[in-house]
């Protein structure tokens, strides 16, 4: 009888561990050098800092940083498919600024971002999308600059997505929070980026944590 009791105890532990693993949900951050942590350790980039916040909040999520320095929306479409093989519960999208620096038409940037969102939703119907908004330096507030900033708000509204109004809020233009290039946040700046995203992400993650995951059918 003691042997049976011991076996059942071990079995319950194994099953509990298996259940815990099955309940692990995912947050995928899909961005460019701002999310990749340009010239920094990956552990200093804001997605890694978000992972620490998730852990501290006792939320059962794995945060994956699938960002690439120099990333564009077209490049994002090309490198997205491998990530669609795994379930995505929360998708943080941060792309577009490099396209704007290259003068790509805003409607083309928006179409690419919409296609990325559509592809993610096609594989993960219940995914929650968070869009990281960006703005161009206001050295020439022309129609392009305005249209680019408005694009993120429009995308969030169209897709019922959450919006980080401006990822670089409190960081852009501050030499003490940026690398010498004046464009990419340093480690201190990345901490502020993490706070900017976490304010929007936390309530979404808490809600998602208590709702059953979307069907994993497409990923099996």
Protein backbone atom coordinates (compact mmCIF):
# COMPACT_ATOMS: atom_id res chain seq x y z
CA UNK A 1 0.00 0.00 0.00
CA UNK A 2 2.85 2.34 0.81
CA UNK A 3 4.32 1.65 -2.64
CA UNK A 4 1.01 2.52 -4.27
CA UNK A 5 0.76 5.73 -2.24
CA UNK A 6 4.30 6.69 -3.21
CA UNK A 7 3.57 5.96 -6.87
CA UNK A 8 0.42 8.08 -6.78
CA UNK A 9 2.30 10.93 -5.12
CA UNK A 10 4.99 10.87 -7.81
CA UNK A 11 2.36 10.65 -10.53
CA UNK A 12 0.53 13.67 -9.16
CA UNK A 13 3.74 15.69 -9.21
CA UNK A 14 4.48 14.70 -12.80
CA UNK A 15 0.94 15.54 -13.88
CA UNK A 16 1.11 18.90 -12.09
CA UNK A 17 4.36 19.74 -13.81
CA UNK A 18 2.88 18.74 -17.16
CA UNK A 19 -0.18 20.87 -16.55
CA UNK A 20 1.98 23.81 -15.59
CA UNK A 21 3.97 23.50 -18.81
CA UNK A 22 0.78 23.20 -20.84
CA UNK A 23 -0.57 26.39 -19.28
CA UNK A 24 2.52 28.41 -20.19
CA UNK A 25 1.44 31.10 -22.62
CA UNK A 26 3.53 33.16 -24.98
CA UNK A 27 4.28 36.80 -25.66
CA UNK A 28 6.10 37.42 -28.94
CA UNK A 29 7.83 40.77 -29.43
CA UNK A 30 8.36 41.37 -33.13
CA UNK A 31 10.33 44.50 -33.86
CA UNK A 32 13.47 46.18 -35.11
CA UNK A 33 16.63 47.51 -33.43
CA UNK A 34 14.64 49.38 -30.78
CA UNK A 35 13.29 46.05 -29.50
CA UNK A 36 16.42 44.08 -30.35
CA UNK A 37 18.50 46.29 -28.05
CA UNK A 38 20.94 47.75 -30.57
CA UNK A 39 24.52 47.74 -29.22
CA UNK A 40 23.28 46.34 -25.89
CA UNK A 41 23.10 42.91 -24.33
CA UNK A 42 19.81 41.17 -25.15
CA UNK A 43 19.20 41.08 -21.39
CA UNK A 44 19.15 44.91 -21.39
CA UNK A 45 16.55 45.25 -24.15
CA UNK A 46 13.01 46.00 -23.04
CA UNK A 47 11.55 42.57 -24.00
CA UNK A 48 13.90 40.91 -21.49
CA UNK A 49 12.87 43.50 -18.91
CA UNK A 50 9.22 42.72 -19.67
CA UNK A 51 9.96 39.05 -19.00
CA UNK A 52 11.18 40.01 -15.53
CA UNK A 53 8.03 42.03 -14.91
CA UNK A 54 5.88 39.11 -16.06
CA UNK A 55 7.72 36.80 -13.68
CA UNK A 56 7.44 39.27 -10.80
CA UNK A 57 3.69 39.50 -11.43
CA UNK A 58 3.47 35.68 -11.26
CA UNK A 59 2.04 35.51 -14.78
CA UNK A 60 2.74 32.27 -16.61
CA UNK A 61 4.08 33.69 -19.88
CA UNK A 62 7.22 33.10 -21.87
CA UNK A 63 8.47 36.25 -23.56
CA UNK A 64 10.28 35.74 -26.86
CA UNK A 65 12.16 38.57 -28.53
CA UNK A 66 11.94 37.96 -32.26
CA UNK A 67 13.29 41.37 -33.23
CA UNK A 68 16.03 42.16 -35.72
CA UNK A 69 18.18 45.25 -36.03
CA UNK A 70 17.42 47.12 -39.23
CA UNK A 71 14.06 45.39 -39.50
CA UNK A 72 11.49 46.71 -41.94
CA UNK A 73 7.86 45.76 -42.44
CA UNK A 74 8.66 43.89 -45.64
CA UNK A 75 11.48 42.07 -43.89
CA UNK A 76 9.10 41.31 -41.05
CA UNK A 77 6.73 39.58 -43.43
CA UNK A 78 9.59 37.48 -44.74
CA UNK A 79 10.85 36.34 -41.33
CA UNK A 80 7.45 35.86 -39.68
CA UNK A 81 6.51 32.33 -40.91
CA UNK A 82 8.84 30.35 -38.58
CA UNK A 83 7.28 32.10 -35.57
CA UNK A 84 3.79 31.12 -36.71
CA UNK A 85 4.62 27.47 -36.06
CA UNK A 86 4.21 28.17 -32.35
CA UNK A 87 1.20 29.48 -30.47
CA UNK A 88 1.17 33.22 -29.86
CA UNK A 89 -1.11 34.51 -27.11
CA UNK A 90 0.06 38.13 -27.12
CA UNK A 91 1.76 39.71 -30.13
CA UNK A 92 3.72 42.93 -29.63
CA UNK A 93 4.38 44.56 -33.02
CA UNK A 94 7.06 47.24 -33.29
CA UNK A 95 7.99 47.94 -36.90
CA UNK A 96 7.75 50.78 -39.40
CA UNK A 97 10.25 53.43 -38.42
CA UNK A 98 13.00 52.08 -40.70
CA UNK A 99 10.55 52.11 -43.61
CA UNK A 100 9.79 55.75 -42.87
CA UNK A 101 13.46 56.66 -42.73
CA UNK A 102 13.73 55.21 -46.24
CA UNK A 103 10.74 57.21 -47.43
CA UNK A 104 8.44 54.26 -48.09
CA UNK A 105 4.85 55.44 -48.71
CA UNK A 106 2.82 55.34 -45.49
CA UNK A 107 0.04 53.31 -47.09
CA UNK A 108 2.57 50.66 -48.07
CA UNK A 109 3.98 50.54 -44.53
CA UNK A 110 0.44 50.22 -43.18
CA UNK A 111 -0.44 47.46 -45.65
CA UNK A 112 2.63 45.46 -44.63
CA UNK A 113 1.85 45.85 -40.93
CA UNK A 114 -1.75 44.82 -41.58
CA UNK A 115 -0.57 41.74 -43.43
CA UNK A 116 1.67 40.79 -40.50
CA UNK A 117 -1.28 41.14 -38.12
CA UNK A 118 -3.56 39.18 -40.46
CA UNK A 119 -1.02 36.35 -40.73
CA UNK A 120 -0.65 36.13 -36.95
CA UNK A 121 -4.42 36.16 -36.43
CA UNK A 122 -4.94 33.50 -39.08
CA UNK A 123 -2.84 31.10 -37.02
CA UNK A 124 -3.91 32.40 -33.62
CA UNK A 125 -7.56 33.54 -33.81
CA UNK A 126 -7.68 34.67 -30.17
CA UNK A 127 -4.33 36.43 -30.12
CA UNK A 128 -4.16 39.80 -28.40
CA UNK A 129 -2.24 42.37 -30.40
CA UNK A 130 -0.26 45.25 -28.96
CA UNK A 131 1.01 47.87 -31.41
CA UNK A 132 4.00 50.00 -30.45
CA UNK A 133 3.41 53.44 -31.92
CA UNK A 134 6.25 55.50 -33.32
CA UNK A 135 6.75 59.08 -34.44
CA UNK A 136 9.17 60.71 -36.80
CA UNK A 137 11.38 63.51 -35.48
CA UNK A 138 9.36 66.68 -35.72
CA UNK A 139 12.00 68.58 -37.68
CA UNK A 140 9.59 68.92 -40.58
CA UNK A 141 6.00 68.37 -39.60
CA UNK A 142 4.69 67.74 -43.09
CA UNK A 143 1.89 65.49 -44.27
CA UNK A 144 4.15 62.42 -44.29
CA UNK A 145 5.17 62.90 -40.65
CA UNK A 146 1.55 63.34 -39.57
CA UNK A 147 0.30 60.41 -41.62
CA UNK A 148 3.00 58.13 -40.25
CA UNK A 149 2.17 58.92 -36.63
CA UNK A 150 -1.57 58.53 -37.24
CA UNK A 151 -1.06 55.17 -38.98
CA UNK A 152 -0.45 53.31 -35.72
CA UNK A 153 -3.63 54.67 -34.13
CA UNK A 154 -5.61 53.66 -37.21
CA UNK A 155 -4.12 50.15 -37.19
CA UNK A 156 -4.93 49.68 -33.51
CA UNK A 157 -8.52 50.85 -34.04
CA UNK A 158 -9.01 48.69 -37.12
CA UNK A 159 -7.68 45.55 -35.43
CA UNK A 160 -9.13 46.08 -31.95
CA UNK A 161 -5.52 46.12 -30.76
CA UNK A 162 -3.97 47.82 -27.76
CA UNK A 163 -1.73 50.79 -28.55
CA UNK A 164 1.45 52.01 -26.91
CA UNK A 165 0.99 55.63 -28.07
CA UNK A 166 4.71 56.31 -28.46
CA UNK A 167 7.31 53.68 -27.64
CA UNK A 168 10.07 56.25 -27.13
CA UNK A 169 8.02 58.52 -24.86
CA UNK A 170 10.35 60.05 -22.28
CA UNK A 171 13.44 58.77 -24.10
CA UNK A 172 13.59 60.38 -27.53
CA UNK A 173 15.78 63.46 -27.62
CA UNK A 174 17.39 62.86 -24.22
CA UNK A 175 21.16 62.34 -24.64
CA UNK A 176 21.41 60.67 -21.23
CA UNK A 177 18.98 57.93 -22.32
CA UNK A 178 20.33 57.27 -25.80
CA UNK A 179 23.47 55.94 -27.42
CA UNK A 180 25.82 58.45 -29.07
CA UNK A 181 23.88 58.06 -32.35
CA UNK A 182 20.96 59.85 -30.67
CA UNK A 183 18.52 57.30 -32.08
CA UNK A 184 18.82 54.09 -30.09
CA UNK A 185 18.08 53.93 -26.35
CA UNK A 186 20.87 52.93 -23.99
CA UNK A 187 20.28 50.54 -21.09
CA UNK A 188 18.65 53.28 -19.00
CA UNK A 189 16.43 54.25 -21.93
CA UNK A 190 15.40 50.64 -22.45
CA UNK A 191 14.10 50.56 -18.88
CA UNK A 192 11.74 53.40 -19.73
CA UNK A 193 10.65 51.63 -22.91
CA UNK A 194 9.81 48.62 -20.76
CA UNK A 195 7.63 50.80 -18.53
CA UNK A 196 5.90 52.33 -21.57
CA UNK A 197 5.01 48.89 -22.91
CA UNK A 198 4.22 47.34 -19.53
CA UNK A 199 1.54 49.95 -18.76
CA UNK A 200 -0.37 48.67 -21.77
CA UNK A 201 0.69 45.03 -21.66
CA UNK A 202 0.09 44.24 -17.98
CA UNK A 203 -3.74 44.38 -17.95
CA UNK A 204 -3.84 42.40 -21.20
CA UNK A 205 -1.51 39.73 -19.81
CA UNK A 206 -3.50 39.48 -16.57
CA UNK A 207 -6.72 38.99 -18.51
CA UNK A 208 -5.16 36.50 -20.91
CA UNK A 209 -3.65 34.54 -18.05
CA UNK A 210 -7.07 33.47 -16.76
CA UNK A 211 -8.68 32.74 -20.13
CA UNK A 212 -8.12 29.38 -21.85
CA UNK A 213 -5.66 29.57 -24.74
CA UNK A 214 -6.81 29.59 -28.31
CA UNK A 215 -7.03 26.26 -30.04
CA UNK A 216 -3.62 24.93 -30.92
CA UNK A 217 -5.02 23.06 -33.90
CA UNK A 218 -3.11 24.96 -36.61
CA UNK A 219 0.20 24.35 -34.79
CA UNK A 220 -0.09 20.61 -34.27
